[in-house]
Protein backbone atom coordinates (compact mmCIF):
# COMPACT_ATOMS: atom_id res chain seq x y z
CA MET A 1 53.21 65.52 -14.46
CA THR A 2 50.90 62.75 -12.42
CA ARG A 3 48.65 63.92 -9.54
CA ALA A 4 51.06 62.06 -7.00
CA ALA A 5 54.07 64.43 -8.16
CA ALA A 6 52.05 67.55 -8.01
CA LEU A 7 51.01 66.97 -4.63
CA ALA A 8 54.37 65.71 -3.71
CA MET A 9 56.07 69.14 -4.99
CA PHE A 10 52.86 71.10 -3.37
CA ALA A 11 54.06 69.59 -0.20
CA SER A 12 57.83 70.35 -0.53
CA LEU A 13 57.18 74.11 -1.63
CA ALA A 14 55.01 74.19 1.59
CA LEU A 15 57.55 73.47 3.87
CA ALA A 16 60.21 75.30 2.18
CA GLY A 17 57.73 78.58 2.63
CA CYS A 18 57.55 77.90 6.28
CA SER A 19 61.08 77.41 7.24
CA ASP A 20 62.66 80.16 5.14
CA ASP A 21 62.65 83.92 5.27
CA GLY A 22 60.14 86.14 3.61
CA GLY A 23 61.60 86.05 0.04
CA ARG A 24 61.41 82.35 -0.09
CA ARG A 25 57.99 82.37 1.18
CA ASP A 26 56.83 84.64 -1.61
CA SER A 27 58.32 82.54 -3.75
CA ALA A 28 57.35 79.46 -2.66
CA THR A 29 53.53 80.57 -2.56
CA ALA A 30 53.90 81.55 -6.24
CA ALA A 31 55.74 78.29 -6.92
CA ILE A 32 52.80 76.50 -5.47
CA ILE A 33 50.09 78.63 -7.33
CA SER A 34 51.79 77.69 -10.51
CA GLY A 35 52.07 74.38 -10.08
CA VAL A 36 48.98 73.45 -8.52
CA MET A 37 47.02 75.67 -11.41
CA THR A 38 49.04 73.91 -14.12
CA VAL A 39 48.00 70.13 -13.23
CA THR A 40 44.70 69.25 -15.58
CA PRO A 41 41.96 67.16 -13.68
CA SER A 42 43.12 64.20 -15.91
CA GLY A 43 46.58 64.19 -14.35
CA ASP A 44 48.45 65.61 -17.77
CA ALA A 45 51.81 67.40 -17.84
CA PRO A 46 52.00 70.77 -16.73
CA THR A 47 51.01 73.22 -19.35
CA THR A 48 53.77 76.05 -18.70
CA SER A 49 57.55 75.69 -18.54
CA GLU A 50 57.61 77.24 -15.13
CA ALA A 51 56.09 74.72 -13.35
CA PRO A 52 58.92 72.35 -11.36
CA THR A 53 59.77 68.86 -12.52
CA THR A 54 59.17 65.99 -10.54
CA THR A 55 63.14 65.83 -9.76
CA GLU A 56 62.87 69.39 -8.27
CA ALA A 57 59.62 68.70 -6.08
CA THR A 58 60.68 65.63 -4.70
CA THR A 59 64.35 67.05 -3.71
CA ASP A 60 63.02 68.62 -0.06
CA ALA A 61 59.53 66.44 0.06
CA THR A 62 61.55 63.42 2.38
CA SER A 63 59.53 64.71 5.62
CA ALA A 64 56.18 65.07 4.01
CA PRO A 65 55.38 62.25 1.53
CA ALA A 66 53.09 63.31 -1.31
CA THR A 67 50.26 60.99 -0.27
CA SER A 68 49.91 62.80 3.12
CA GLU A 69 48.54 66.11 1.32
CA ALA A 70 45.83 64.20 -0.83
CA SER A 71 43.25 65.19 1.30
CA ALA A 72 44.31 69.11 1.63
CA VAL A 73 43.06 69.38 -1.99
CA ASP A 74 39.38 69.39 -3.12
CA ASP A 75 39.40 68.64 -6.97
CA THR A 76 35.38 68.97 -7.03
CA SER A 77 34.76 72.12 -5.80
CA GLY A 78 34.98 73.80 -8.93
CA GLY A 79 36.45 77.21 -7.50
CA ALA A 80 38.89 79.35 -8.76
CA GLY A 81 41.42 78.12 -6.35
CA PRO A 82 43.02 75.22 -4.48
CA LYS A 83 40.86 74.44 -1.15
CA PHE A 84 42.46 73.21 2.15
CA ASP A 85 41.65 71.00 4.81
CA ILE A 86 40.21 72.60 7.70
CA GLY A 87 40.84 69.88 10.22
CA GLU A 88 37.82 67.86 12.49
CA THR A 89 35.39 69.15 14.49
CA PRO A 90 36.64 68.91 18.22
CA ASP A 91 34.97 65.58 18.77
CA GLY A 92 37.34 64.26 16.27
CA GLY A 93 34.80 63.66 13.34
CA PRO A 94 34.65 65.54 10.18
CA PRO A 95 32.97 68.81 9.88
CA PRO A 96 29.44 68.24 8.68
CA GLU A 97 28.77 69.41 5.19
CA PRO A 98 25.50 69.84 3.31
CA LYS A 99 24.48 67.61 0.34
CA ALA A 100 21.93 68.46 -2.32
CA CYS A 101 18.63 66.50 -0.76
CA LEU A 102 17.26 63.79 -2.84
CA LYS A 103 14.16 63.88 -1.47
CA VAL A 104 11.31 66.71 -1.23
CA ASP A 105 7.78 66.72 0.44
CA LEU A 106 5.41 69.52 -1.03
CA LEU A 107 2.41 70.13 0.85
CA PHE A 108 -0.07 72.51 -0.24
CA VAL A 109 -2.64 74.36 1.98
CA VAL A 110 -5.30 75.97 -0.20
CA ASP A 111 -8.14 78.28 1.58
CA ASN A 112 -11.36 76.89 0.58
CA SER A 113 -13.74 79.75 1.74
CA ALA A 114 -16.21 81.36 -0.40
CA SER A 115 -14.22 83.96 -2.12
CA MET A 116 -11.27 81.38 -3.62
CA LYS A 117 -12.64 79.77 -6.71
CA ASP A 118 -10.60 82.21 -9.07
CA GLU A 119 -7.43 81.44 -7.29
CA GLN A 120 -7.80 78.04 -7.19
CA ASP A 121 -8.22 77.73 -11.06
CA ASN A 122 -5.34 79.88 -11.11
CA LEU A 123 -3.59 77.23 -8.87
CA VAL A 124 -4.47 74.51 -10.93
CA ALA A 125 -3.48 75.91 -14.38
CA SER A 126 -0.02 76.98 -12.76
CA PHE A 127 0.69 73.56 -11.15
CA PRO A 128 2.25 71.66 -14.01
CA GLY A 129 4.88 73.99 -15.19
CA PHE A 130 5.62 74.31 -11.53
CA VAL A 131 6.43 70.40 -10.95
CA GLU A 132 7.91 70.29 -13.87
CA GLU A 133 10.64 72.86 -13.29
CA ILE A 134 11.27 71.42 -10.11
CA GLN A 135 12.02 67.83 -11.34
CA LEU A 136 14.22 69.71 -14.18
CA GLN A 137 16.00 71.63 -11.62
CA LEU A 138 16.46 69.10 -9.09
CA GLU A 139 17.51 66.40 -11.16
CA ASP A 140 19.42 64.52 -8.18
CA ALA A 141 16.10 64.08 -6.16
CA GLU A 142 14.98 60.60 -6.07
CA SER A 143 11.31 61.32 -5.21
CA LEU A 144 8.70 63.68 -4.48
CA HIS A 145 5.60 63.61 -2.33
CA ILE A 146 3.06 66.00 -3.10
CA GLY A 147 -0.05 66.68 -1.11
CA VAL A 148 -3.30 69.06 -0.44
CA VAL A 149 -5.02 69.81 2.49
CA SER A 150 -7.61 72.77 2.69
CA THR A 151 -7.69 75.79 5.82
CA ASP A 152 -10.84 73.83 7.62
CA LYS A 153 -11.49 70.47 8.70
CA TYR A 154 -12.54 68.95 5.36
CA ASP A 155 -16.17 67.69 4.84
CA GLY A 156 -15.41 66.54 1.54
CA ASN A 157 -12.46 64.29 2.03
CA GLU A 158 -12.69 60.33 1.97
CA ASN A 159 -13.33 58.50 5.00
CA PRO A 160 -11.95 58.32 7.59
CA CYS A 161 -10.37 61.56 6.91
CA ASP A 162 -13.42 63.76 6.18
CA GLY A 163 -13.84 66.52 8.79
CA VAL A 164 -10.00 65.82 9.92
CA LEU A 165 -8.07 69.16 9.76
CA GLY A 166 -4.58 68.87 8.16
CA GLY A 167 -5.45 65.49 6.49
CA LEU A 168 -4.49 64.99 3.11
CA ILE A 169 -7.10 65.52 0.50
CA THR A 170 -8.14 62.67 -2.06
CA GLN A 171 -11.84 63.41 -2.49
CA THR A 172 -13.55 66.57 -2.92
CA ASP A 173 -17.00 67.99 -2.50
CA GLY A 174 -19.01 70.96 -2.47
CA SER A 175 -19.46 74.25 -4.46
CA ASN A 176 -17.04 75.10 -7.35
CA SER A 177 -14.81 71.83 -6.15
CA SER A 178 -13.63 69.00 -8.60
CA ASN A 179 -16.38 66.89 -6.35
CA ALA A 180 -14.68 63.61 -7.23
CA TYR A 181 -12.44 60.82 -5.81
CA CYS A 182 -9.04 61.63 -6.90
CA GLY A 183 -7.28 58.44 -6.38
CA PRO A 184 -5.76 56.18 -6.14
CA TYR A 185 -2.60 57.33 -5.77
CA VAL A 186 0.36 54.89 -6.93
CA SER A 187 1.87 55.71 -3.64
CA GLY A 188 -1.13 53.52 -1.91
CA LEU A 189 -1.55 56.20 0.52
CA ARG A 190 -3.02 59.74 0.38
CA PHE A 191 -0.03 61.28 -1.03
CA MET A 192 0.86 61.93 -5.30
CA THR A 193 4.53 61.25 -6.15
CA GLU A 194 6.16 61.63 -9.54
CA GLN A 195 4.80 58.51 -10.53
CA ASP A 196 1.29 59.49 -11.00
CA ASP A 197 -0.34 61.91 -13.51
CA LEU A 198 0.47 64.77 -11.44
CA ALA A 199 -1.44 67.23 -13.77
CA THR A 200 -4.71 65.02 -13.48
CA ARG A 201 -4.25 64.07 -9.45
CA PHE A 202 -3.27 67.44 -8.50
CA ALA A 203 -6.23 69.42 -10.56
CA CYS A 204 -8.54 67.51 -8.53
CA ALA A 205 -7.08 67.57 -5.16
CA ALA A 206 -6.30 71.35 -5.21
CA GLN A 207 -9.80 72.02 -6.49
CA VAL A 208 -11.39 71.98 -3.08
CA GLY A 209 -14.02 74.15 -3.74
CA THR A 210 -15.41 77.16 -1.87
CA SER A 211 -17.83 75.53 0.79
CA GLY A 212 -15.23 75.86 3.74
CA ASP A 213 -15.28 77.70 6.67
CA SER A 214 -14.63 81.31 6.70
CA ASN A 215 -12.36 81.30 9.83
CA GLU A 216 -9.37 79.97 8.03
CA LYS A 217 -6.88 78.31 9.82
CA PRO A 218 -3.75 77.80 7.20
CA LEU A 219 -0.80 77.20 9.58
CA GLN A 220 -3.05 75.24 12.07
CA ALA A 221 -3.68 73.07 9.40
CA ALA A 222 -0.06 72.84 7.88
CA LEU A 223 1.25 71.62 11.48
CA ARG A 224 -1.57 69.02 12.00
CA ALA A 225 -0.59 67.67 8.40
CA LEU A 226 3.00 67.73 9.26
CA GLY A 227 2.67 66.59 12.61
CA PRO A 228 3.52 63.17 14.44
CA ASP A 229 -0.35 62.51 15.29
CA LEU A 230 -1.73 62.25 11.51
CA ALA A 231 1.60 60.35 10.29
CA GLN A 232 0.75 57.07 12.47
CA PRO A 233 0.27 53.98 10.59
CA GLY A 234 -3.52 53.79 9.61
CA GLN A 235 -3.74 57.62 9.83
CA CYS A 236 -4.74 60.21 6.85
CA ASN A 237 -0.83 61.36 6.18
CA GLU A 238 1.19 58.29 6.95
CA GLY A 239 4.01 58.08 4.94
CA PHE A 240 4.01 61.68 3.57
CA VAL A 241 6.35 63.48 5.67
CA ARG A 242 9.85 62.28 5.46
CA GLU A 243 12.78 62.96 8.17
CA ASP A 244 15.52 63.18 5.36
CA ALA A 245 13.42 65.27 2.57
CA LEU A 246 13.25 68.98 1.91
CA LEU A 247 10.03 70.40 3.06
CA VAL A 248 8.58 72.77 0.68
CA LEU A 249 5.30 74.57 2.00
CA VAL A 250 2.86 76.49 0.04
CA ILE A 251 0.50 78.44 1.16
CA ILE A 252 -2.56 79.89 -0.88
CA THR A 253 -4.97 82.18 0.92
CA ASP A 254 -6.84 85.53 0.52
CA GLU A 255 -6.96 86.49 4.23
CA GLU A 256 -5.30 87.29 6.98
CA GLU A 257 -4.48 84.35 9.18
CA ASP A 258 -6.69 85.01 12.48
CA GLY A 259 -8.23 81.37 12.79
CA SER A 260 -5.07 79.59 13.88
CA SER A 261 -3.85 79.67 17.75
CA GLY A 262 -0.84 81.00 18.65
CA ASP A 263 1.60 83.65 16.46
CA PRO A 264 4.16 83.53 14.05
CA PRO A 265 7.15 82.89 16.09
CA ASP A 266 4.95 79.97 17.52
CA TRP A 267 4.24 78.67 14.15
CA PHE A 268 7.98 78.92 12.94
CA ALA A 269 9.11 77.51 15.95
CA GLU A 270 6.76 74.17 15.97
CA ILE A 271 7.31 73.94 11.81
CA VAL A 272 11.19 74.21 12.69
CA ALA A 273 11.11 71.45 15.25
CA LEU A 274 9.14 68.90 13.34
CA LYS A 275 12.23 69.16 10.91
CA GLY A 276 14.77 68.50 13.25
CA GLY A 277 15.54 71.74 14.17
CA VAL A 278 17.04 73.09 10.78
CA GLU A 279 15.06 75.43 9.48
CA THR A 280 17.09 75.76 6.12
CA ASN A 281 15.45 72.76 5.42
CA ILE A 282 12.28 74.28 4.97
CA VAL A 283 10.89 76.44 2.03
CA THR A 284 8.12 78.56 2.65
CA LEU A 285 6.19 80.15 -0.41
CA ALA A 286 3.02 82.06 0.49
CA LEU A 287 0.42 83.38 -2.27
CA ILE A 288 -1.57 85.81 0.05
CA GLY A 289 -2.72 89.44 -0.22
CA PRO A 290 0.63 91.45 -0.25
CA GLU A 291 1.54 94.81 1.64
CA ASN A 292 1.75 96.61 -1.55
CA PRO A 293 -0.28 94.90 -4.28
CA GLU A 294 0.79 95.40 -7.93
CA CYS A 295 -2.58 94.15 -9.20
CA ALA A 296 -5.92 94.80 -8.21
CA SER A 297 -7.23 92.74 -5.14
CA ALA A 298 -9.37 92.54 -2.78
CA ALA A 299 -7.77 90.19 -0.50
CA GLU A 300 -6.71 91.18 3.08
CA VAL A 301 -2.96 91.75 3.78
CA ALA A 302 -1.84 88.84 5.34
CA HIS A 303 0.71 90.44 8.03
CA ARG A 304 0.72 87.18 10.22
CA ILE A 305 1.62 84.97 7.32
CA ILE A 306 4.17 87.44 6.00
CA ASP A 307 5.89 87.68 9.33
CA PHE A 308 5.93 83.94 9.41
CA ALA A 309 7.44 83.54 5.95
CA GLU A 310 10.49 86.17 6.30
CA MET A 311 11.48 84.27 9.13
CA PHE A 312 12.99 81.46 7.14
CA THR A 313 15.83 81.79 5.06
CA TYR A 314 13.95 80.37 2.27
CA GLY A 315 10.71 82.15 2.31
CA SER A 316 9.34 83.82 -0.60
CA ILE A 317 5.85 85.92 -0.94
CA GLY A 318 3.67 86.18 -3.89
CA GLN A 319 0.46 88.02 -4.83
CA ILE A 320 -2.98 85.99 -4.71
CA CYS A 321 -4.17 88.84 -7.46
CA ALA A 322 -1.85 87.87 -9.56
CA ASP A 323 -3.25 86.78 -13.24
CA SER A 324 -1.01 83.94 -13.39
CA PHE A 325 0.86 81.99 -10.19
CA GLN A 326 3.21 80.88 -12.61
CA PRO A 327 5.60 83.65 -12.51
CA PHE A 328 5.73 83.21 -8.56
CA PHE A 329 6.22 79.42 -8.99
CA HIS A 330 8.96 80.14 -11.57
CA ASP A 331 11.09 82.43 -9.08
CA ALA A 332 10.62 79.82 -6.60
CA ILE A 333 12.38 77.31 -8.32
CA SER A 334 15.79 78.98 -8.10
CA VAL A 335 15.04 79.47 -3.82
CA ILE A 336 13.89 75.64 -3.72
CA ASP A 337 17.42 74.76 -5.75
CA GLN A 338 19.41 76.87 -3.26
CA ALA A 339 17.73 74.95 -0.02
CA CYS A 340 18.46 71.75 -1.64
CA GLU A 341 21.75 72.07 -2.55
CA ASN A 342 22.20 73.37 1.26
CA PHE A 343 20.28 70.40 2.58
CA MET A 344 21.55 69.34 5.77
CA PRO A 345 20.75 65.34 6.75
CA PRO A 346 19.50 64.49 9.83
CA GLY A 347 21.84 63.34 12.16
């Protein structure tokens, strides 16, 4: 049976079921299910002998042409049963539908205070597997933007962004840093893409060292990095944040968040506003001192960061004291994948 014939049969039986008594409605429903479920995606003939023939399907369909019902069946859903058109929104347009994200912006906020050497080494070692899994899992994504900032006004950065809170790092300096120029990046700007040698470039930028201010400001640095001021042409973060990209924010610190102004609800509201008010277009990953650590940890419990991360639909918390961050990043891939599948394009 062709698709058009199957749809004509569907319309006929649906009309019959609505205009007759309960017995005919039950019969029509059974026939609809039988008819629809026996049509193969390629439009081959029904596989069961009970399926109505084309002649039977078109007998009562004169008031409802088969072509008018095409939009009522969703052949791409992959669900167990037929889908039905839920109609239009009050303004006459179709209801908005989520679409898989095509772009992902990853911002790493790395604590560069005196106690963070081992944690930075751990991050550098765990990153290649993380970004490889992102690229494999998000196969529809067209591009990645990857940037690193520290938790203070980083003095080792390349001019003119040295000493700028939230400025993307392209050069490091100080104790336990890579002490190197990490660019140039293929983008020609201050962020990495999938076209760079990410294992090498990220290892350079993320090893920000341990000479930073002990009054860490991870959330303030993140908000500055994602905000409009540093995104202007010629500024430190030009081109990094894209309106139509999923944002993945990764915070890595062994201290409580006492340095940033405001409180968790303020940070949440501000970062959501920066993403057009759609909080599900943000993934927040926090490697911090957890409330019930499973590993020996000297890290402070980061209650305020925990509160912040838990406000997001796609928020995840890991342990800064873990021997490897790879298991946390591996588990985070499914969170990122789900957020990407449900991504709501701007506008």
